[in-house]
Protein backbone atom coordinates (compact mmCIF):
# COMPACT_ATOMS: atom_id res chain seq x y z
CA MET A 1 23.17 24.90 35.91
CA GLY A 2 24.87 27.99 34.50
CA PHE A 3 26.05 26.02 31.47
CA ASN A 4 22.52 24.80 30.81
CA ILE A 5 21.15 28.34 30.89
CA TYR A 6 23.95 29.52 28.60
CA PHE A 7 23.31 26.64 26.20
CA ALA A 8 19.54 27.33 26.19
CA ASN A 9 20.14 31.02 25.45
CA ARG A 10 22.52 30.19 22.62
CA LEU A 11 19.98 27.75 21.23
CA ARG A 12 17.23 30.37 21.33
CA LEU A 13 19.53 32.88 19.65
CA ALA A 14 20.38 30.39 16.90
CA TYR A 15 16.69 29.63 16.44
CA SER A 16 15.90 33.35 16.11
CA LYS A 17 18.67 33.92 13.57
CA PHE A 18 17.68 30.87 11.57
CA SER A 19 14.02 31.95 11.57
CA ALA A 20 15.02 35.44 10.44
CA LEU A 21 17.15 33.95 7.66
CA LEU A 22 14.27 31.78 6.45
CA ALA A 23 11.88 34.70 6.52
CA LYS A 24 14.35 36.89 4.63
CA PHE A 25 14.92 34.47 1.73
CA TRP A 26 11.64 32.56 1.51
CA LYS A 27 9.00 34.86 3.03
CA THR A 28 5.47 33.54 2.42
CA ARG A 29 6.54 32.06 -0.91
CA PHE A 30 7.91 29.18 1.16
CA TYR A 31 4.41 27.66 1.29
CA LEU A 32 4.15 27.62 -2.49
CA TYR A 33 7.62 26.11 -2.91
CA LEU A 34 6.79 23.48 -0.31
CA ALA A 35 3.51 22.68 -2.08
CA ALA A 36 5.37 22.21 -5.36
CA LEU A 37 7.82 19.83 -3.67
CA PHE A 38 5.01 17.81 -2.08
CA SER A 39 3.15 17.73 -5.39
CA LEU A 40 6.20 16.28 -7.12
CA PHE A 41 6.53 13.63 -4.43
CA ALA A 42 2.80 12.80 -4.68
CA VAL A 43 3.08 12.26 -8.43
CA LEU A 44 6.22 10.13 -8.09
CA ASP A 45 4.65 8.09 -5.30
CA THR A 46 1.54 7.43 -7.38
CA VAL A 47 3.52 6.43 -10.46
CA GLN A 48 6.58 4.69 -9.04
CA LEU A 49 7.49 4.90 -5.34
CA HIS A 50 4.27 3.66 -3.64
CA ILE A 51 5.56 4.67 -0.21
CA ILE A 52 2.12 5.77 0.97
CA SER A 53 0.65 2.35 0.13
CA GLY A 54 2.07 0.90 3.37
CA MET A 55 0.28 3.61 5.34
CA ARG A 56 -2.97 2.79 3.54
CA GLN A 57 -2.62 -0.85 4.58
CA GLU A 58 -2.04 0.05 8.23
CA ALA A 59 -5.03 2.39 8.15
CA PHE A 60 -7.21 -0.40 6.72
CA ASP A 61 -6.05 -2.77 9.48
CA ALA A 62 -6.94 -0.26 12.19
CA MET A 63 -10.34 0.56 10.71
CA VAL A 64 -11.41 -3.02 10.09
CA ARG A 65 -10.28 -4.02 13.59
CA HIS A 66 -12.22 -1.24 15.30
CA ARG A 67 -15.25 -0.81 13.09
CA ILE A 68 -18.69 -0.44 14.61
CA VAL A 69 -20.72 -2.51 12.15
CA VAL A 70 -19.19 -5.98 11.84
CA PRO A 71 -20.96 -8.45 9.49
CA LYS A 72 -21.93 -11.67 11.18
CA PRO A 73 -20.42 -14.97 10.02
CA ASP A 74 -22.78 -17.14 8.02
CA SER A 75 -24.49 -19.63 10.33
CA ASP A 76 -24.55 -22.21 7.52
CA ILE A 77 -20.75 -22.41 7.45
CA VAL A 78 -19.35 -24.96 9.89
CA ILE A 79 -15.65 -25.64 10.38
CA VAL A 80 -14.76 -29.18 11.43
CA ASP A 81 -11.58 -28.46 13.31
CA ILE A 82 -8.65 -30.85 13.49
CA ASN A 83 -7.34 -29.02 16.52
CA GLU A 84 -4.62 -29.96 18.97
CA ALA A 85 -7.16 -31.69 21.21
CA SER A 86 -8.30 -33.86 18.29
CA LEU A 87 -4.71 -34.72 17.35
CA ALA A 88 -3.96 -35.74 20.92
CA ALA A 89 -7.18 -37.76 21.35
CA MET A 90 -6.85 -39.59 18.02
CA ALA A 91 -3.14 -40.36 18.51
CA LYS A 92 -3.71 -43.36 20.77
CA ASP A 93 -5.72 -45.18 18.05
CA TYR A 94 -4.39 -43.74 14.78
CA GLY A 95 -1.06 -42.14 15.65
CA ARG A 96 -0.09 -38.55 15.07
CA TRP A 97 -0.99 -36.68 11.91
CA PRO A 98 -1.37 -37.66 9.15
CA TRP A 99 -3.93 -40.28 10.05
CA PRO A 100 -4.77 -43.23 7.82
CA ARG A 101 -7.01 -41.96 5.01
CA GLN A 102 -9.72 -44.42 6.01
CA VAL A 103 -10.43 -42.20 9.03
CA LEU A 104 -11.34 -39.30 6.75
CA GLY A 105 -13.20 -41.66 4.41
CA GLU A 106 -15.40 -42.93 7.23
CA PHE A 107 -15.96 -39.39 8.43
CA LEU A 108 -16.97 -38.32 4.92
CA GLU A 109 -19.42 -41.18 4.55
CA GLN A 110 -21.14 -40.43 7.85
CA VAL A 111 -21.37 -36.67 7.28
CA GLU A 112 -22.79 -37.23 3.78
CA LYS A 113 -25.73 -39.03 5.31
CA GLN A 114 -26.82 -35.69 6.84
CA GLN A 115 -26.99 -34.14 3.34
CA PRO A 116 -24.67 -31.15 3.66
CA LYS A 117 -24.70 -28.65 0.82
CA VAL A 118 -20.96 -29.00 0.18
CA ILE A 119 -17.94 -30.42 1.95
CA VAL A 120 -14.70 -28.53 1.40
CA PHE A 121 -11.41 -30.11 2.41
CA ASP A 122 -8.70 -27.64 3.37
CA ILE A 123 -6.28 -30.58 3.30
CA LEU A 124 -3.94 -31.35 0.43
CA PHE A 125 -3.86 -35.09 -0.33
CA SER A 126 -0.69 -34.95 -2.38
CA ASP A 127 0.84 -38.39 -1.76
CA SER A 128 -0.22 -41.96 -1.28
CA ASP A 129 0.13 -43.75 2.01
CA ILE A 130 2.47 -46.55 0.94
CA TYR A 131 2.01 -48.32 4.27
CA ASN A 132 -1.80 -48.32 4.06
CA PRO A 133 -2.91 -48.86 0.45
CA ASP A 134 -6.24 -50.31 1.56
CA SER A 135 -6.89 -47.20 3.63
CA ASP A 136 -6.24 -45.01 0.58
CA ALA A 137 -8.55 -47.15 -1.52
CA TYR A 138 -11.31 -46.76 1.06
CA PHE A 139 -10.96 -43.00 1.02
CA ASP A 140 -10.93 -42.93 -2.79
CA SER A 141 -14.17 -44.91 -2.99
CA ALA A 142 -15.79 -42.67 -0.36
CA VAL A 143 -14.93 -39.59 -2.45
CA ALA A 144 -16.17 -41.27 -5.65
CA ALA A 145 -19.59 -41.75 -4.04
CA THR A 146 -20.04 -37.98 -3.50
CA ASN A 147 -20.99 -35.16 -5.82
CA ASN A 148 -20.49 -32.25 -3.44
CA THR A 149 -16.90 -32.56 -2.20
CA TYR A 150 -14.20 -30.06 -3.06
CA PHE A 151 -10.45 -30.42 -2.75
CA PRO A 152 -7.46 -28.10 -3.04
CA PHE A 153 -4.41 -28.18 -5.23
CA LEU A 154 -1.26 -26.14 -4.61
CA ARG A 155 0.37 -23.66 -6.99
CA LEU A 156 4.14 -23.69 -6.64
CA ASP A 157 6.52 -20.84 -7.43
CA GLN A 158 6.54 -19.83 -11.09
CA SER A 159 10.28 -20.40 -11.27
CA SER A 160 9.54 -24.14 -11.18
CA ASP A 161 7.18 -24.04 -14.18
CA PRO A 162 9.82 -25.20 -16.73
CA LEU A 163 10.47 -28.32 -14.59
CA SER A 164 6.80 -29.33 -14.49
CA LEU A 165 5.09 -31.84 -16.80
CA VAL A 166 1.59 -30.60 -15.96
CA LYS A 167 -0.18 -28.52 -18.60
CA PRO A 168 -3.09 -26.31 -17.49
CA ALA A 169 -5.54 -28.23 -19.68
CA MET A 170 -4.67 -31.38 -17.72
CA ILE A 171 -6.04 -29.89 -14.47
CA PRO A 172 -9.79 -30.52 -13.97
CA GLY A 173 -11.74 -27.29 -13.73
CA VAL A 174 -9.07 -25.14 -15.40
CA VAL A 175 -10.39 -23.34 -18.50
CA PRO A 176 -8.90 -20.91 -21.02
CA LEU A 177 -9.18 -17.33 -19.80
CA ARG A 178 -8.24 -15.70 -23.10
CA ASN A 179 -8.03 -16.66 -26.74
CA ASP A 180 -4.23 -16.55 -26.59
CA ALA A 181 -3.98 -19.24 -23.89
CA GLN A 182 -0.77 -21.23 -24.37
CA PRO A 183 -1.65 -24.93 -24.72
CA GLU A 184 1.92 -26.19 -24.39
CA ALA A 185 2.85 -24.19 -21.30
CA THR A 186 3.49 -26.07 -18.08
CA VAL A 187 2.63 -25.00 -14.56
CA ALA A 188 4.22 -26.18 -11.33
CA VAL A 189 1.39 -27.48 -9.17
CA VAL A 190 0.81 -30.19 -6.59
CA LEU A 191 -2.37 -32.09 -7.48
CA PRO A 192 -4.29 -34.50 -5.27
CA HIS A 193 -3.09 -38.08 -5.54
CA PHE A 194 -6.49 -39.78 -5.60
CA PRO A 195 -8.16 -40.65 -8.94
CA ALA A 196 -11.67 -39.96 -7.62
CA ILE A 197 -10.72 -36.39 -6.68
CA LEU A 198 -9.28 -35.72 -10.12
CA LYS A 199 -12.23 -37.38 -11.84
CA ASN A 200 -14.87 -35.33 -10.05
CA GLY A 201 -13.07 -32.15 -11.14
CA ARG A 202 -14.07 -30.09 -8.13
CA LEU A 203 -10.62 -28.62 -7.56
CA GLY A 204 -9.42 -25.17 -6.59
CA LEU A 205 -6.34 -23.41 -5.35
CA HIS A 206 -6.02 -22.91 -1.61
CA ASN A 207 -2.93 -20.71 -1.86
CA ILE A 208 -3.04 -17.67 0.38
CA TYR A 209 -1.00 -14.71 -0.83
CA PRO A 210 -0.12 -12.09 1.81
CA ASP A 211 0.67 -8.48 0.98
CA ALA A 212 4.26 -7.24 0.86
CA ASP A 213 4.28 -6.74 4.64
CA GLY A 214 3.26 -10.36 5.24
CA ILE A 215 -0.35 -9.59 6.25
CA VAL A 216 -3.22 -11.41 4.54
CA ARG A 217 -5.81 -8.85 3.46
CA GLN A 218 -6.83 -10.03 0.03
CA TYR A 219 -7.93 -13.31 -1.50
CA VAL A 220 -6.99 -14.34 -5.01
CA ILE A 221 -10.13 -15.48 -6.85
CA TYR A 222 -8.20 -17.07 -9.66
CA ARG A 223 -4.74 -17.06 -11.16
CA ASP A 224 -4.03 -16.13 -14.75
CA ASP A 225 -1.21 -18.42 -15.81
CA PHE A 226 -0.32 -18.42 -19.50
CA GLY A 227 -3.87 -17.39 -20.39
CA TRP A 228 -5.50 -20.15 -18.31
CA LYS A 229 -7.83 -19.60 -15.38
CA LEU A 230 -6.76 -21.51 -12.27
CA PRO A 231 -9.73 -21.05 -9.88
CA SER A 232 -9.50 -20.82 -6.12
CA LEU A 233 -11.51 -23.16 -3.93
CA PRO A 234 -14.09 -20.44 -3.04
CA ASP A 235 -14.43 -19.57 -6.73
CA ARG A 236 -14.98 -23.23 -7.62
CA VAL A 237 -17.65 -23.57 -4.93
CA ALA A 238 -19.31 -20.32 -6.03
CA ARG A 239 -19.46 -21.49 -9.65
CA ASP A 240 -21.26 -24.73 -8.80
CA LEU A 241 -23.67 -23.16 -6.30
CA GLY A 242 -24.66 -20.37 -8.67
CA TRP A 243 -23.23 -17.52 -6.63
CA PRO A 244 -22.14 -14.40 -8.53
CA GLU A 245 -18.45 -14.65 -9.33
CA PRO A 246 -16.42 -11.49 -8.60
CA ALA A 247 -15.28 -9.60 -11.67
CA ALA A 248 -11.90 -8.76 -10.17
CA GLN A 249 -9.00 -11.18 -9.92
CA ARG A 250 -8.56 -10.54 -6.20
CA VAL A 251 -10.77 -9.08 -3.50
CA LEU A 252 -10.30 -7.44 -0.13
CA LEU A 253 -11.69 -9.78 2.49
CA ASN A 254 -14.61 -8.52 4.55
CA TRP A 255 -13.63 -10.03 7.89
CA ARG A 256 -16.36 -11.35 10.17
CA GLY A 257 -14.40 -10.70 13.34
CA PRO A 258 -11.37 -12.07 15.20
CA PRO A 259 -10.31 -15.73 14.89
CA PHE A 260 -12.89 -18.36 15.89
CA SER A 261 -15.85 -16.16 14.98
CA TYR A 262 -17.30 -18.98 12.87
CA GLN A 263 -19.05 -22.06 14.17
CA TYR A 264 -16.42 -24.67 15.06
CA VAL A 265 -16.86 -28.31 15.96
CA SER A 266 -14.10 -30.64 17.08
CA PHE A 267 -13.22 -33.36 14.57
CA TYR A 268 -12.68 -35.85 17.35
CA ASP A 269 -16.02 -35.09 19.00
CA VAL A 270 -17.93 -35.44 15.74
CA PHE A 271 -16.00 -38.51 14.57
CA THR A 272 -16.53 -40.26 17.89
CA ASP A 273 -20.24 -39.47 17.94
CA LEU A 274 -20.74 -40.56 14.33
CA GLY A 275 -19.26 -43.98 15.14
CA SER A 276 -21.20 -44.39 18.37
CA LYS A 277 -24.40 -46.36 18.72
CA GLU A 278 -25.82 -43.84 21.14
CA LYS A 279 -25.80 -40.49 19.33
CA LYS A 280 -25.42 -37.40 21.48
CA ARG A 281 -25.13 -34.85 18.68
CA PRO A 282 -28.03 -33.72 16.43
CA GLN A 283 -28.43 -36.06 13.48
CA ASP A 284 -29.10 -33.13 11.15
CA GLU A 285 -26.17 -31.08 12.42
CA PHE A 286 -24.70 -30.62 8.93
CA LYS A 287 -27.87 -30.65 6.83
CA ASN A 288 -27.65 -27.98 4.08
CA LYS A 289 -24.45 -26.69 5.68
CA ILE A 290 -21.19 -25.70 4.06
CA VAL A 291 -18.79 -27.99 5.90
CA ILE A 292 -15.11 -27.04 5.82
CA ILE A 293 -12.64 -29.59 7.14
CA GLY A 294 -9.34 -28.07 8.20
CA SER A 295 -7.01 -27.52 11.11
CA THR A 296 -6.33 -24.78 13.63
CA ALA A 297 -3.58 -26.79 15.34
CA PRO A 298 -0.40 -24.66 15.48
CA SER A 299 1.67 -27.83 15.02
CA LEU A 300 0.28 -28.17 11.47
CA PHE A 301 1.49 -24.65 10.60
CA ASP A 302 -1.65 -23.34 8.90
CA ILE A 303 -1.63 -20.03 10.77
CA LYS A 304 -1.42 -16.65 9.00
CA PRO A 305 -1.22 -13.02 10.17
CA THR A 306 -4.25 -10.93 9.19
CA PRO A 307 -5.57 -7.48 10.15
CA MET A 308 -7.62 -9.22 12.84
CA SER A 309 -4.85 -11.28 14.43
CA GLN A 310 -1.26 -12.37 14.05
CA MET A 311 -2.46 -15.95 14.58
CA HIS A 312 -5.39 -16.41 12.19
CA PRO A 313 -6.21 -20.03 11.21
CA GLY A 314 -5.89 -20.61 7.49
CA VAL A 315 -9.11 -22.61 7.46
CA GLU A 316 -11.02 -19.58 8.77
CA ILE A 317 -9.50 -17.38 6.07
CA LEU A 318 -10.90 -19.89 3.58
CA ALA A 319 -14.27 -19.78 5.37
CA THR A 320 -14.25 -15.97 5.22
CA ALA A 321 -13.62 -16.02 1.47
CA ILE A 322 -16.45 -18.50 0.90
CA ASP A 323 -18.73 -16.40 3.11
CA ASN A 324 -17.83 -13.25 1.15
CA PHE A 325 -18.49 -14.95 -2.18
CA LYS A 326 -21.82 -16.33 -1.01
CA HIS A 327 -23.11 -12.94 0.13
CA ASN A 328 -21.25 -10.97 -2.54
CA ASP A 329 -20.08 -8.57 0.17
CA TYR A 330 -16.33 -8.75 -0.19
CA LEU A 331 -14.79 -5.27 0.00
CA ARG A 332 -14.37 -3.48 -3.28
CA PHE A 333 -11.37 -1.20 -3.26
CA PRO A 334 -11.27 1.10 -6.27
CA LYS A 335 -7.67 1.97 -6.95
CA ALA A 336 -8.63 5.36 -8.39
CA SER A 337 -4.98 6.44 -8.35
CA VAL A 338 -5.68 9.57 -10.37
CA ALA A 339 -8.61 10.59 -8.15
CA TYR A 340 -6.53 10.11 -4.98
CA LEU A 341 -3.69 12.11 -6.55
CA VAL A 342 -6.05 14.96 -7.47
CA LEU A 343 -7.48 14.96 -3.93
CA THR A 344 -3.94 15.03 -2.48
CA LEU A 345 -2.97 17.98 -4.66
CA CYS A 346 -6.17 19.84 -3.74
CA ILE A 347 -5.46 19.42 -0.02
CA ILE A 348 -1.83 20.51 -0.39
CA TRP A 349 -2.49 23.55 -2.55
CA ALA A 350 -5.57 24.71 -0.62
CA THR A 351 -3.56 24.58 2.60
CA ALA A 352 -0.59 26.30 0.96
CA TRP A 353 -2.81 29.08 -0.38
CA ALA A 354 -4.37 29.62 3.04
CA PHE A 355 -0.92 30.03 4.62
CA TYR A 356 0.33 32.17 1.74
CA ARG A 357 -2.61 34.58 1.95
CA ASN A 358 -2.51 34.49 5.76
CA PHE A 359 -6.14 33.52 6.28
CA GLY A 360 -5.47 33.30 9.99
CA ARG A 361 -3.93 30.64 12.19
CA ASN A 362 -7.14 29.69 13.96
CA LYS A 363 -9.15 29.56 10.76
CA ILE A 364 -6.53 27.45 8.97
CA ASP A 365 -6.28 25.06 11.90
CA LEU A 366 -10.05 24.74 12.10
CA LEU A 367 -10.64 24.22 8.38
CA PHE A 368 -7.73 21.83 7.94
CA GLY A 369 -8.67 19.80 11.01
CA ALA A 370 -12.29 19.63 9.90
CA SER A 371 -11.35 18.53 6.38
CA GLN A 372 -9.09 15.76 7.66
CA PHE A 373 -11.75 14.61 10.10
CA VAL A 374 -14.32 14.48 7.28
CA LEU A 375 -11.98 12.52 4.99
CA ILE A 376 -11.11 9.98 7.69
CA GLY A 377 -14.82 9.78 8.52
CA ILE A 378 -15.59 8.95 4.89
CA SER A 379 -13.10 6.06 4.94
CA TYR A 380 -14.39 4.78 8.26
CA ALA A 381 -18.03 5.07 7.20
CA SER A 382 -17.33 3.25 3.92
CA ILE A 383 -15.92 0.21 5.70
CA ASN A 384 -18.80 0.17 8.20
CA PHE A 385 -21.83 0.81 6.03
CA THR A 386 -20.85 -0.19 2.48
CA ASP A 387 -18.99 -2.91 0.61
CA THR A 388 -16.66 -0.36 -0.99
CA TYR A 389 -13.62 0.70 0.99
CA ILE A 390 -12.65 4.26 0.11
CA ASN A 391 -9.08 4.56 1.28
CA ILE A 392 -8.20 8.26 1.66
CA THR A 393 -5.25 7.60 3.96
CA GLY A 394 -2.75 8.73 1.32
CA PRO A 395 -4.23 12.21 0.78
CA VAL A 396 -4.77 12.64 4.53
CA THR A 397 -1.19 11.60 5.34
CA MET A 398 0.32 13.87 2.71
CA GLY A 399 -1.88 16.75 3.78
CA LEU A 400 -0.98 16.29 7.43
CA ALA A 401 2.75 16.17 6.64
CA PHE A 402 2.48 19.35 4.58
CA PHE A 403 0.42 21.11 7.26
CA THR A 404 2.92 20.16 9.97
CA ILE A 405 5.90 21.62 8.11
CA ALA A 406 3.93 24.71 7.09
CA ARG A 407 2.76 25.29 10.65
CA ILE A 408 6.32 24.97 12.01
CA TYR A 409 7.51 27.51 9.45
CA SER A 410 4.59 29.79 10.28
CA VAL A 411 5.36 29.72 14.00
CA ALA A 412 9.07 30.29 13.40
CA THR A 413 8.66 33.24 11.03
CA ASN A 414 5.27 34.68 11.94
CA LYS A 415 6.55 37.67 13.93
CA ILE A 416 9.24 38.42 11.37
CA LEU A 417 6.90 38.29 8.39
CA GLU A 418 4.20 40.44 10.00
CA ARG A 419 4.03 43.93 8.55
CA SER A 420 5.29 46.41 11.14
CA MET A 421 5.24 50.12 10.51
CA VAL A 422 7.70 50.53 13.38
CA CYS A 423 10.24 48.36 11.59
CA ASP A 424 9.52 50.04 8.26
CA SER A 425 10.06 53.49 9.71
CA PHE A 426 13.26 52.25 11.33
CA LYS A 427 14.61 51.35 7.87
CA ARG A 428 13.46 54.53 6.13
CA GLU A 429 15.16 57.93 6.12
CA GLY A 430 13.67 61.41 5.98
CA LYS A 431 10.57 62.90 7.49
CA LEU A 432 7.60 60.54 7.79
CA HIS A 433 3.90 61.10 8.29
CA ALA A 434 2.31 58.49 10.59
CA THR A 435 -1.35 57.68 11.15
CA LEU A 436 -2.54 55.65 14.12
CA LEU A 437 -6.09 54.24 14.32
CA LEU A 438 -7.17 52.73 17.63
CA ILE A 439 -10.40 50.68 17.78
CA ARG A 440 -11.56 49.50 21.18
CA LEU A 441 -14.17 46.84 22.02
CA ASP A 442 -16.03 47.04 25.33
CA GLY A 443 -18.11 44.10 26.50
CA ASP A 444 -18.12 40.83 28.40
CA PRO A 445 -14.50 39.53 28.31
CA LYS A 446 -15.81 35.97 27.97
CA LEU A 447 -17.39 36.92 24.65
CA LEU A 448 -14.21 38.53 23.34
CA THR A 449 -11.87 35.56 23.03
CA ASP A 450 -8.40 35.75 21.55
CA ALA A 451 -9.56 33.58 18.64
CA MET A 452 -12.29 36.11 17.78
CA LEU A 453 -9.88 39.02 18.00
CA ASP A 454 -7.38 37.23 15.77
CA GLN A 455 -10.09 36.53 13.22
CA ILE A 456 -11.02 40.23 13.11
CA ARG A 457 -7.37 41.19 12.86
CA TYR A 458 -6.75 39.01 9.80
CA GLN A 459 -9.81 40.50 8.13
CA LEU A 460 -8.62 44.05 8.85
CA GLU A 461 -5.28 43.35 7.19
CA ASN A 462 -7.07 42.81 3.88
CA ILE A 463 -9.06 46.07 3.96
CA GLY A 464 -7.71 49.12 2.15
CA LEU A 465 -5.06 49.89 -0.44
CA GLU A 466 -2.06 51.20 1.50
CA GLN A 467 0.35 49.03 3.49
CA LYS A 468 -0.36 48.98 7.19
CA SER A 469 0.24 46.94 10.32
CA VAL A 470 -2.54 45.64 12.53
CA ASP A 471 -1.85 44.69 16.15
CA ILE A 472 -4.02 43.68 19.07
CA LEU A 473 -3.46 45.12 22.52
CA ARG A 474 -4.71 42.52 25.02
CA GLY A 475 -3.19 43.81 28.29
CA ASP A 476 -4.81 43.60 31.69
CA GLN A 477 -3.75 47.12 32.77
CA LYS A 478 -6.15 49.21 34.81
CA GLY A 479 -6.75 52.91 35.19
CA LEU A 480 -5.71 55.08 32.28
CA TRP A 481 -4.15 52.15 30.40
CA ASP A 482 -7.48 50.38 30.46
CA LEU A 483 -8.24 52.22 27.22
CA PHE A 484 -5.87 49.87 25.41
CA GLU A 485 -7.49 46.61 26.53
CA LYS A 486 -9.20 44.68 23.69
CA THR A 487 -7.95 47.35 21.30
CA PHE A 488 -6.86 47.12 17.67
CA SER A 489 -3.92 49.31 16.75
CA ILE A 490 -3.68 50.07 13.01
CA SER A 491 -0.80 52.17 11.73
CA TRP A 492 0.31 53.65 8.41
CA ILE A 493 3.35 55.68 7.36
CA VAL A 494 4.04 57.68 4.20
CA ASP A 495 6.82 60.02 3.24
CA GLU A 496 6.27 63.71 3.99
CA GLY A 497 5.02 65.43 0.88
CA ASP A 498 3.44 62.25 -0.51
CA THR A 499 -0.01 63.76 -0.83
CA ASP A 500 -1.35 60.83 -2.85
CA GLY A 501 -0.15 58.37 -0.20
CA ALA A 502 -1.66 60.47 2.58
CA ALA A 503 -4.97 60.58 0.67
CA ARG A 504 -4.95 56.80 0.28
CA VAL A 505 -4.30 56.39 4.00
CA ALA A 506 -7.23 58.72 4.76
CA ASP A 507 -9.41 56.61 2.47
CA ASP A 508 -8.20 53.44 4.20
CA VAL A 509 -9.16 54.86 7.60
CA VAL A 510 -12.66 55.53 6.31
CA MET A 511 -12.87 52.06 4.75
CA VAL A 512 -11.73 50.37 7.98
CA THR A 513 -14.06 52.29 10.27
CA THR A 514 -16.97 51.81 7.85
CA ALA A 515 -16.41 48.06 7.42
CA PHE A 516 -15.64 47.33 11.06
CA PRO A 517 -19.24 47.06 12.37
CA GLN A 518 -20.16 44.53 9.68
CA LEU A 519 -16.93 42.65 10.27
CA LEU A 520 -17.63 42.59 14.00
CA SER A 521 -21.11 41.15 13.49
CA LYS A 522 -19.66 38.27 11.44
CA CYS A 523 -17.06 37.34 14.03
CA ILE A 524 -18.86 38.15 17.29
CA ILE A 525 -22.59 37.61 17.68
CA ASN A 526 -23.31 39.92 20.60
CA PRO A 527 -25.28 43.19 20.34
CA ASP A 528 -23.86 44.42 23.67
CA ILE A 529 -20.35 45.01 22.31
CA VAL A 530 -19.58 48.74 22.27
CA VAL A 531 -17.12 50.00 19.66
CA SER A 532 -15.15 53.22 19.98
CA TRP A 533 -12.29 54.47 17.85
CA PHE A 534 -9.78 57.29 17.67
CA VAL A 535 -7.41 58.55 14.95
CA HIS A 536 -4.14 60.27 15.73
CA GLN A 537 -1.49 61.58 13.34
CA GLY A 538 2.08 62.77 13.78
CA GLU A 539 5.35 63.43 12.03
CA PHE A 540 8.88 62.32 12.86
CA LEU A 541 12.20 61.43 11.30
CA GLY A 542 12.84 57.90 10.11
CA GLY A 543 15.84 55.92 11.31
CA LYS A 544 17.08 54.73 14.65
CA GLY A 545 15.03 57.13 16.74
CA THR A 546 11.66 56.06 15.38
CA ARG A 547 10.94 53.66 18.24
CA ASP A 548 10.89 56.55 20.69
CA CYS A 549 8.76 58.55 18.26
CA TRP A 550 6.18 55.77 18.10
CA ARG A 551 6.09 55.60 21.89
CA VAL A 552 5.39 59.35 21.98
CA MET A 553 2.63 58.91 19.38
CA PHE A 554 0.97 56.20 21.45
CA ALA A 555 1.19 58.32 24.56
CA GLU A 556 -0.29 61.34 22.77
CA ALA A 557 -3.05 59.19 21.29
CA LEU A 558 -3.84 57.80 24.74
CA LEU A 559 -4.00 61.23 26.34
CA ARG A 560 -6.10 62.84 23.61
CA TRP A 561 -8.46 59.87 23.43
CA ASN A 562 -8.88 60.09 27.18
CA GLU A 563 -9.58 63.82 26.93
CA GLN A 564 -12.15 63.15 24.22
CA GLN A 565 -13.85 60.56 26.44
CA LYS A 566 -14.07 63.06 29.31
CA LYS A 567 -15.66 65.69 27.07
CA VAL A 568 -18.28 63.18 25.95
CA LEU A 569 -19.07 62.33 29.56
C-alpha cells in the first residue's frame, strides 16, 4: 500500500515536471507546430499513404448498415435459388451438383412460356458434360430458342493473358472502348461452352471485385482491357433494356438491406411445379420479371462479405447491381480528394487557432463538437436521402485526432501557461506597484454556472493593453469571505516609477469596468444579476516574499471593500 502511494506520488511529480517542461519550450506555439505536422500528414495521406481510406470504408459500412431510409428491392426481380434444400431434393433423381444440363434446359423452356422480361444465369457453363452429350444438346437448343437470356463469362488474372488465345474482338458483346484498342492483344477469360450462348452474344462478366479489406462495396460496370470494353452482366442487361448506363467504370452499390431481402423462390419447388400436371403456383409468376438463376448454397461457395453481412450470396449482389442500374440509384461517391484535403486543413487550423488564442475550453469543446456532429450528419444524411455519398470521415477523423492531442496538451499545461501576476512578481526584483480589481456577481447560483464564468473570464483576458491575470474565486465560504464568491480577480503589476505603465493599467481598469456590463449581457441573460466592483492598489518588493505581499493585498482589499459596503448600507 505504501509503495503504491509512493509510486503514485512519483508519477504525479514526473507528470508535473514534464508538463512544465513542455510549457517552457513549446508554450501555446505547440498548437501551431502540431497543426503543421498534421497538415503534412494529411497531404501525404491524400497523395500517397491513403491510411484514412480504410477508416472511410468502415464508416460507410456502419452508415449503410444503420441508415434510416433503406430503398426497397425491386419487386420485379426474382431470384430462383439453387439452395441447399434444392440440391438435396434433386440429388435422388439427378445426383449432386452439377446436374445434367437438360434439367436447366427444361426449366428454361417452361419459364419462357410465362414471358419473363429477361432471364439471367449466374452460372458459368464453362465445360461440356462428356457423359451426357444429349443433355448438353438439349440445353443448347433451349437457349437458341430464346432472345432474352444472359450468361456470364469469367475474367481470369491478367498475369495469364499472354497464355490465352482469346482476343477481345472474339468475345460477343465486347467493343472497342478507345481508338487505340489493341486488336492483337489476348485476354485470359473462361467463356461459356455452348454455341447458342456465344451466338446470341448476350454475355457479361460476373466477376466480383472486393476492396483491399476483402469487403464487396463496389461493382465493376465494365473492364478496360487493352482498350476494349468487357461489360458486366448488369451492364449488358441495362444496354439491351434501354436503361441509362453509368458513366463511371465502377459504382458503389446501394444495398437494399441484409441478405435475402429480394424475392426468392426455390428452384426445386418451381421445377417440380412446372413439370406437374396439377399446377399449384401462379402461371404468370415470372411474367415481365427479371429472373436471376443462381445459388445461395454455401457448398457452392458463392458467398461474399459485404457491408451488410459476412455471408452475402453472390447472386443477390448481382441482383443488387441490376436493381441499381435499373433505377439509376447506385451511390455516386465523388473522390474530391482536394476538397476533402482543404476541409481537413480548415478543421485542423481552425482548432489550432482557437487553442492558440485561448478562446476558452468550453467554447472550443462546444464549437468543435458541433462541427464534427454537423459533418457526420452530412455524411449520414447523404446516404439516407440522396444517391451521392459524401464521405467526410477523413476530415472528421483527422480533426478528432488533432483535437484529442491538443486537449491533452491544454490540460497538462493550462495552469502553467496562464498569466499569473503572482508568479511574475516572484521573478522580478525591485519595488513593484500592484493593482487589484475585484468584480463580484450576485444572483441565483443556478444562473451563474462555471461555464458562464469561464466564458466571461476568457473575454476579460482580451480586454486592455497591459498584461494581467484573471482568476475566478468560486468558494463556498460564508460570512466575511462571502464577498469573494462568484468574484473575478484581475491583477496588474508595473515597476515603481513606470508612470506610463501605471497609466495604461488605469486605462485598462476603466476599459474592463466599462465593458463588463455588455460582456455580462452576452454571456448571462438575466436582468437580476447585481454587479459590484472594487479597486485596490499597493506596493511591495518583488522576489521570494511577494506571495505574502499578495495575501496582504487581498486581505486589505477584502477589509476595505467590506467597509465600503457598510457605508453604503
